[in-house]
């Protein structure tokens, strides 16, 4: 296989991987006070993937495969 064909194959393979990548981001609010929760821990149910909310209550989970997920707080 020529170097050009190999590079083209690797480029397509990497692009396909990025196209299937998904992310979840948002804010976590207290259901009683409606204030954002700082430092709340989240987990994607059934995985070891998670995140914590930052100073403004937001979170960002990356490198997920496309699909439907349940977030546990």
PDB file of N, CA and C in Angstrom:
ATOM      1  N   UNK A   1       0.860  -1.177   0.000  1.00  0.00           N
ATOM      2  CA  UNK A   1       0.000   0.000   0.000  1.00  0.00           C
ATOM      3  C   UNK A   1       0.903   1.236   0.000  1.00  0.00           C
ATOM      4  N   UNK A   2       0.591   2.169  -0.844  1.00  0.00           N
ATOM      5  CA  UNK A   2       1.407   3.374  -0.925  1.00  0.00           C
ATOM      6  C   UNK A   2       1.162   4.265   0.292  1.00  0.00           C
ATOM      7  N   UNK A   3       2.091   5.156   0.551  1.00  0.00           N
ATOM      8  CA  UNK A   3       1.987   6.065   1.685  1.00  0.00           C
ATOM      9  C   UNK A   3       0.764   6.968   1.528  1.00  0.00           C
ATOM     10  N   UNK A   4       0.488   7.416   0.319  1.00  0.00           N
ATOM     11  CA  UNK A   4      -0.667   8.292   0.088  1.00  0.00           C
ATOM     12  C   UNK A   4      -1.967   7.567   0.397  1.00  0.00           C
ATOM     13  N   UNK A   5      -2.080   6.313  -0.028  1.00  0.00           N
ATOM     14  CA  UNK A   5      -3.295   5.548   0.256  1.00  0.00           C
ATOM     15  C   UNK A   5      -3.431   5.298   1.755  1.00  0.00           C
ATOM     16  N   UNK A   6      -2.310   5.017   2.412  1.00  0.00           N
ATOM     17  CA  UNK A   6      -2.336   4.781   3.847  1.00  0.00           C
ATOM     18  C   UNK A   6      -2.780   6.040   4.593  1.00  0.00           C
ATOM     19  N   UNK A   7      -2.240   7.199   4.219  1.00  0.00           N
ATOM     20  CA  UNK A   7      -2.634   8.452   4.859  1.00  0.00           C
ATOM     21  C   UNK A   7      -4.102   8.771   4.603  1.00  0.00           C
ATOM     22  N   UNK A   8      -4.583   8.516   3.396  1.00  0.00           N
ATOM     23  CA  UNK A   8      -5.992   8.754   3.083  1.00  0.00           C
ATOM     24  C   UNK A   8      -6.881   7.840   3.924  1.00  0.00           C
ATOM     25  N   UNK A   9      -6.480   6.577   4.064  1.00  0.00           N
ATOM     26  CA  UNK A   9      -7.253   5.633   4.870  1.00  0.00           C
ATOM     27  C   UNK A   9      -7.298   6.076   6.330  1.00  0.00           C
ATOM     28  N   UNK A  10      -6.131   6.452   6.874  1.00  0.00           N
ATOM     29  CA  UNK A  10      -6.083   6.896   8.265  1.00  0.00           C
ATOM     30  C   UNK A  10      -6.911   8.157   8.475  1.00  0.00           C
ATOM     31  N   UNK A  11      -6.877   9.073   7.528  1.00  0.00           N
ATOM     32  CA  UNK A  11      -7.673  10.293   7.626  1.00  0.00           C
ATOM     33  C   UNK A  11      -9.155   9.998   7.666  1.00  0.00           C
ATOM     34  N   UNK A  12      -9.617   9.096   6.817  1.00  0.00           N
ATOM     35  CA  UNK A  12     -11.039   8.719   6.803  1.00  0.00           C
ATOM     36  C   UNK A  12     -11.419   7.997   8.087  1.00  0.00           C
ATOM     37  N   UNK A  13     -10.535   7.129   8.572  1.00  0.00           N
ATOM     38  CA  UNK A  13     -10.807   6.375   9.786  1.00  0.00           C
ATOM     39  C   UNK A  13     -10.928   7.315  10.984  1.00  0.00           C
ATOM     40  N   UNK A  14     -10.023   8.281  11.080  1.00  0.00           N
ATOM     41  CA  UNK A  14     -10.074   9.239  12.180  1.00  0.00           C
ATOM     42  C   UNK A  14     -11.314  10.123  12.078  1.00  0.00           C
ATOM     43  N   UNK A  15     -11.649  10.553  10.877  1.00  0.00           N
ATOM     44  CA  UNK A  15     -12.838  11.398  10.681  1.00  0.00           C
ATOM     45  C   UNK A  15     -14.098  10.637  11.075  1.00  0.00           C
ATOM     46  N   UNK A  16     -14.177   9.369  10.739  1.00  0.00           N
ATOM     47  CA  UNK A  16     -15.347   8.565  11.096  1.00  0.00           C
ATOM     48  C   UNK A  16     -15.471   8.448  12.609  1.00  0.00           C
ATOM     49  N   UNK A  17     -14.369   8.338  13.298  1.00  0.00           N
ATOM     50  CA  UNK A  17     -14.389   8.278  14.754  1.00  0.00           C
ATOM     51  C   UNK A  17     -14.897   9.562  15.371  1.00  0.00           C
ATOM     52  N   UNK A  18     -14.473  10.704  14.829  1.00  0.00           N
ATOM     53  CA  UNK A  18     -14.937  11.979  15.352  1.00  0.00           C
ATOM     54  C   UNK A  18     -16.398  12.231  15.028  1.00  0.00           C
ATOM     55  N   UNK A  19     -16.884  11.740  13.912  1.00  0.00           N
ATOM     56  CA  UNK A  19     -18.284  11.932  13.553  1.00  0.00           C
ATOM     57  C   UNK A  19     -19.213  11.168  14.485  1.00  0.00           C
ATOM     58  N   UNK A  20     -18.742  10.069  15.051  1.00  0.00           N
ATOM     59  CA  UNK A  20     -19.551   9.282  15.967  1.00  0.00           C
ATOM     60  C   UNK A  20     -19.449   9.770  17.403  1.00  0.00           C
ATOM     61  N   UNK A  21     -18.574  10.725  17.663  1.00  0.00           N
ATOM     62  CA  UNK A  21     -18.390  11.231  19.020  1.00  0.00           C
ATOM     63  C   UNK A  21     -19.546  12.164  19.378  1.00  0.00           C
ATOM     64  N   UNK A  22     -19.935  12.107  20.637  1.00  0.00           N
ATOM     65  CA  UNK A  22     -21.020  12.962  21.121  1.00  0.00           C
ATOM     66  C   UNK A  22     -20.587  13.596  22.435  1.00  0.00           C
ATOM     67  N   UNK A  23     -21.313  14.599  22.840  1.00  0.00           N
ATOM     68  CA  UNK A  23     -21.043  15.262  24.103  1.00  0.00           C
ATOM     69  C   UNK A  23     -22.357  15.631  24.764  1.00  0.00           C
ATOM     70  N   UNK A  24     -22.312  15.765  26.069  1.00  0.00           N
ATOM     71  CA  UNK A  24     -23.473  16.215  26.841  1.00  0.00           C
ATOM     72  C   UNK A  24     -22.992  17.386  27.670  1.00  0.00           C
ATOM     73  N   UNK A  25     -23.720  18.489  27.611  1.00  0.00           N
ATOM     74  CA  UNK A  25     -23.358  19.628  28.451  1.00  0.00           C
ATOM     75  C   UNK A  25     -24.627  20.330  28.896  1.00  0.00           C
ATOM     76  N   UNK A  26     -24.521  21.001  30.026  1.00  0.00           N
ATOM     77  CA  UNK A  26     -25.691  21.695  30.547  1.00  0.00           C
ATOM     78  C   UNK A  26     -25.431  22.240  31.935  1.00  0.00           C
ATOM     79  N   UNK A  27     -26.507  22.488  32.652  1.00  0.00           N
ATOM     80  CA  UNK A  27     -26.461  23.036  34.003  1.00  0.00           C
ATOM     81  C   UNK A  27     -27.285  22.144  34.917  1.00  0.00           C
ATOM     82  N   UNK A  28     -26.897  22.100  36.192  1.00  0.00           N
ATOM     83  CA  UNK A  28     -27.649  21.366  37.199  1.00  0.00           C
ATOM     84  C   UNK A  28     -28.239  22.393  38.166  1.00  0.00           C
ATOM     85  N   UNK A  29     -29.569  22.301  38.365  1.00  0.00           N
ATOM     86  CA  UNK A  29     -30.287  23.229  39.235  1.00  0.00           C
ATOM     87  C   UNK A  29     -30.913  22.494  40.408  1.00  0.00           C
ATOM     88  N   UNK A  30     -30.977  23.176  41.560  1.00  0.00           N
ATOM     89  CA  UNK A  30     -31.695  22.669  42.710  1.00  0.00           C
ATOM     90  C   UNK A  30     -33.186  22.753  42.402  1.00  0.00           C
ATOM     91  N   UNK A  31     -33.918  21.661  42.594  1.00  0.00           N
ATOM     92  CA  UNK A  31     -35.341  21.639  42.228  1.00  0.00           C
ATOM     93  C   UNK A  31     -36.196  22.495  43.156  1.00  0.00           C
ATOM     94  N   UNK A  32     -35.707  22.813  44.355  1.00  0.00           N
ATOM     95  CA  UNK A  32     -36.480  23.626  45.291  1.00  0.00           C
ATOM     96  C   UNK A  32     -36.202  25.110  45.110  1.00  0.00           C
ATOM     97  N   UNK A  33     -34.929  25.475  45.054  1.00  0.00           N
ATOM     98  CA  UNK A  33     -34.555  26.898  44.997  1.00  0.00           C
ATOM     99  C   UNK A  33     -34.312  27.397  43.582  1.00  0.00           C
ATOM    100  N   UNK A  34     -34.164  26.478  42.636  1.00  0.00           N
ATOM    101  CA  UNK A  34     -33.873  26.799  41.242  1.00  0.00           C
ATOM    102  C   UNK A  34     -32.497  27.468  41.076  1.00  0.00           C
ATOM    103  N   UNK A  35     -31.620  27.313  42.073  1.00  0.00           N
ATOM    104  CA  UNK A  35     -30.251  27.822  41.980  1.00  0.00           C
ATOM    105  C   UNK A  35     -29.363  26.735  41.380  1.00  0.00           C
ATOM    106  N   UNK A  36     -28.309  27.155  40.674  1.00  0.00           N
ATOM    107  CA  UNK A  36     -27.382  26.170  40.124  1.00  0.00           C
ATOM    108  C   UNK A  36     -26.616  25.504  41.261  1.00  0.00           C
ATOM    109  N   UNK A  37     -26.259  24.240  41.056  1.00  0.00           N
ATOM    110  CA  UNK A  37     -25.514  23.485  42.053  1.00  0.00           C
ATOM    111  C   UNK A  37     -24.037  23.438  41.663  1.00  0.00           C
ATOM    112  N   UNK A  38     -23.193  23.946  42.538  1.00  0.00           N
ATOM    113  CA  UNK A  38     -21.754  23.964  42.321  1.00  0.00           C
ATOM    114  C   UNK A  38     -21.159  22.692  42.935  1.00  0.00           C
ATOM    115  N   UNK A  39     -20.327  21.984  42.183  1.00  0.00           N
ATOM    116  CA  UNK A  39     -19.663  20.794  42.696  1.00  0.00           C
ATOM    117  C   UNK A  39     -20.509  19.538  42.715  1.00  0.00           C
ATOM    118  N   UNK A  40     -21.651  19.558  42.031  1.00  0.00           N
ATOM    119  CA  UNK A  40     -22.486  18.353  41.948  1.00  0.00           C
ATOM    120  C   UNK A  40     -21.793  17.326  41.061  1.00  0.00           C
ATOM    121  N   UNK A  41     -21.858  16.059  41.443  1.00  0.00           N
ATOM    122  CA  UNK A  41     -21.257  14.986  40.660  1.00  0.00           C
ATOM    123  C   UNK A  41     -22.309  14.321  39.794  1.00  0.00           C
ATOM    124  N   UNK A  42     -21.954  14.080  38.535  1.00  0.00           N
ATOM    125  CA  UNK A  42     -22.854  13.427  37.589  1.00  0.00           C
ATOM    126  C   UNK A  42     -22.185  12.178  37.055  1.00  0.00           C
ATOM    127  N   UNK A  43     -22.979  11.175  36.759  1.00  0.00           N
ATOM    128  CA  UNK A  43     -22.470   9.959  36.122  1.00  0.00           C
ATOM    129  C   UNK A  43     -23.403   9.602  34.975  1.00  0.00           C
ATOM    130  N   UNK A  44     -22.815   9.105  33.891  1.00  0.00           N
ATOM    131  CA  UNK A  44     -23.610   8.563  32.804  1.00  0.00           C
ATOM    132  C   UNK A  44     -23.961   7.148  33.250  1.00  0.00           C
ATOM    133  N   UNK A  45     -25.253   6.905  33.441  1.00  0.00           N
ATOM    134  CA  UNK A  45     -25.730   5.633  33.991  1.00  0.00           C
ATOM    135  C   UNK A  45     -25.205   4.452  33.178  1.00  0.00           C
ATOM    136  N   UNK A  46     -24.694   3.450  33.894  1.00  0.00           N
ATOM    137  CA  UNK A  46     -24.195   2.247  33.251  1.00  0.00           C
ATOM    138  C   UNK A  46     -22.769   2.353  32.733  1.00  0.00           C
ATOM    139  N   UNK A  47     -22.090   3.467  33.041  1.00  0.00           N
ATOM    140  CA  UNK A  47     -20.704   3.665  32.598  1.00  0.00           C
ATOM    141  C   UNK A  47     -19.871   4.156  33.775  1.00  0.00           C
ATOM    142  N   UNK A  48     -18.601   4.323  33.534  1.00  0.00           N
ATOM    143  CA  UNK A  48     -17.709   4.943  34.519  1.00  0.00           C
ATOM    144  C   UNK A  48     -17.404   6.383  34.140  1.00  0.00           C
ATOM    145  N   UNK A  49     -18.187   6.949  33.243  1.00  0.00           N
ATOM    146  CA  UNK A  49     -17.973   8.307  32.740  1.00  0.00           C
ATOM    147  C   UNK A  49     -18.793   9.281  33.575  1.00  0.00           C
ATOM    148  N   UNK A  50     -18.162  10.382  33.956  1.00  0.00           N
ATOM    149  CA  UNK A  50     -18.870  11.375  34.747  1.00  0.00           C
ATOM    150  C   UNK A  50     -18.181  12.723  34.711  1.00  0.00           C
ATOM    151  N   UNK A  51     -18.725  13.648  35.475  1.00  0.00           N
ATOM    152  CA  UNK A  51     -18.182  14.998  35.560  1.00  0.00           C
ATOM    153  C   UNK A  51     -18.709  15.647  36.833  1.00  0.00           C
ATOM    154  N   UNK A  52     -18.163  16.796  37.149  1.00  0.00           N
ATOM    155  CA  UNK A  52     -18.651  17.621  38.247  1.00  0.00           C
ATOM    156  C   UNK A  52     -19.006  18.989  37.694  1.00  0.00           C
ATOM    157  N   UNK A  53     -19.997  19.618  38.313  1.00  0.00           N
ATOM    158  CA  UNK A  53     -20.347  20.967  37.871  1.00  0.00           C
ATOM    159  C   UNK A  53     -19.291  21.949  38.366  1.00  0.00           C
ATOM    160  N   UNK A  54     -19.097  23.015  37.601  1.00  0.00           N
ATOM    161  CA  UNK A  54     -18.096  24.016  37.979  1.00  0.00           C
ATOM    162  C   UNK A  54     -18.752  25.165  38.740  1.00  0.00           C
ATOM    163  N   UNK A  55     -18.076  26.290  38.829  1.00  0.00           N
ATOM    164  CA  UNK A  55     -18.520  27.420  39.655  1.00  0.00           C
ATOM    165  C   UNK A  55     -19.861  28.004  39.236  1.00  0.00           C
ATOM    166  N   UNK A  56     -20.256  27.833  37.982  1.00  0.00           N
ATOM    167  CA  UNK A  56     -21.554  28.363  37.549  1.00  0.00           C
ATOM    168  C   UNK A  56     -22.613  27.261  37.403  1.00  0.00           C
ATOM    169  N   UNK A  57     -22.292  26.043  37.882  1.00  0.00           N
ATOM    170  CA  UNK A  57     -23.253  24.946  37.838  1.00  0.00           C
ATOM    171  C   UNK A  57     -23.282  24.190  36.529  1.00  0.00           C
ATOM    172  N   UNK A  58     -22.359  24.504  35.627  1.00  0.00           N
ATOM    173  CA  UNK A  58     -22.371  23.838  34.318  1.00  0.00           C
ATOM    174  C   UNK A  58     -21.456  22.616  34.320  1.00  0.00           C
ATOM    175  N   UNK A  59     -21.741  21.704  33.394  1.00  0.00           N
ATOM    176  CA  UNK A  59     -20.910  20.517  33.223  1.00  0.00           C
ATOM    177  C   UNK A  59     -20.744  20.238  31.741  1.00  0.00           C
ATOM    178  N   UNK A  60     -19.743  19.415  31.412  1.00  0.00           N
ATOM    179  CA  UNK A  60     -19.458  19.065  30.018  1.00  0.00           C
ATOM    180  C   UNK A  60     -18.838  17.677  30.011  1.00  0.00           C
ATOM    181  N   UNK A  61     -19.506  16.727  29.381  1.00  0.00           N
ATOM    182  CA  UNK A  61     -19.010  15.363  29.245  1.00  0.00           C
ATOM    183  C   UNK A  61     -18.735  15.132  27.762  1.00  0.00           C
ATOM    184  N   UNK A  62     -17.515  14.696  27.435  1.00  0.00           N
ATOM    185  CA  UNK A  62     -17.127  14.517  26.038  1.00  0.00           C
ATOM    186  C   UNK A  62     -16.769  13.057  25.762  1.00  0.00           C
ATOM    187  N   UNK A  63     -16.515  12.777  24.501  1.00  0.00           N
ATOM    188  CA  UNK A  63     -16.047  11.472  24.029  1.00  0.00           C
ATOM    189  C   UNK A  63     -17.044  10.339  24.262  1.00  0.00           C
ATOM    190  N   UNK A  64     -18.317  10.633  24.092  1.00  0.00           N
ATOM    191  CA  UNK A  64     -19.344   9.599  24.153  1.00  0.00           C
ATOM    192  C   UNK A  64     -19.683   9.145  22.744  1.00  0.00           C
ATOM    193  N   UNK A  65     -20.113   7.921  22.614  1.00  0.00           N
ATOM    194  CA  UNK A  65     -20.636   7.471  21.327  1.00  0.00           C
ATOM    195  C   UNK A  65     -22.049   8.015  21.188  1.00  0.00           C
ATOM    196  N   UNK A  66     -22.458   8.304  19.967  1.00  0.00           N
ATOM    197  CA  UNK A  66     -23.804   8.810  19.747  1.00  0.00           C
ATOM    198  C   UNK A  66     -24.829   7.830  20.299  1.00  0.00           C
ATOM    199  N   UNK A  67     -25.859   8.339  20.924  1.00  0.00           N
ATOM    200  CA  UNK A  67     -26.892   7.484  21.487  1.00  0.00           C
ATOM    201  C   UNK A  67     -27.716   8.234  22.524  1.00  0.00           C
ATOM    202  N   UNK A  68     -28.489   7.490  23.280  1.00  0.00           N
ATOM    203  CA  UNK A  68     -29.326   8.046  24.333  1.00  0.00           C
ATOM    204  C   UNK A  68     -28.738   7.650  25.679  1.00  0.00           C
ATOM    205  N   UNK A  69     -28.616   8.594  26.569  1.00  0.00           N
ATOM    206  CA  UNK A  69     -28.001   8.345  27.870  1.00  0.00           C
ATOM    207  C   UNK A  69     -28.884   8.880  28.984  1.00  0.00           C
ATOM    208  N   UNK A  70     -28.721   8.294  30.174  1.00  0.00           N
ATOM    209  CA  UNK A  70     -29.365   8.779  31.388  1.00  0.00           C
ATOM    210  C   UNK A  70     -28.266   9.309  32.300  1.00  0.00           C
ATOM    211  N   UNK A  71     -28.467  10.526  32.802  1.00  0.00           N
ATOM    212  CA  UNK A  71     -27.492  11.149  33.692  1.00  0.00           C
ATOM    213  C   UNK A  71     -28.029  11.033  35.131  1.00  0.00           C
ATOM    214  N   UNK A  72     -27.174  10.549  36.027  1.00  0.00           N
ATOM    215  CA  UNK A  72     -27.524  10.481  37.444  1.00  0.00           C
ATOM    216  C   UNK A  72     -26.722  11.541  38.176  1.00  0.00           C
ATOM    217  N   UNK A  73     -27.390  12.320  39.044  1.00  0.00           N
ATOM    218  CA  UNK A  73     -26.740  13.379  39.812  1.00  0.00           C
ATOM    219  C   UNK A  73     -26.675  12.957  41.261  1.00  0.00           C
TER     220      UNK A  73
END
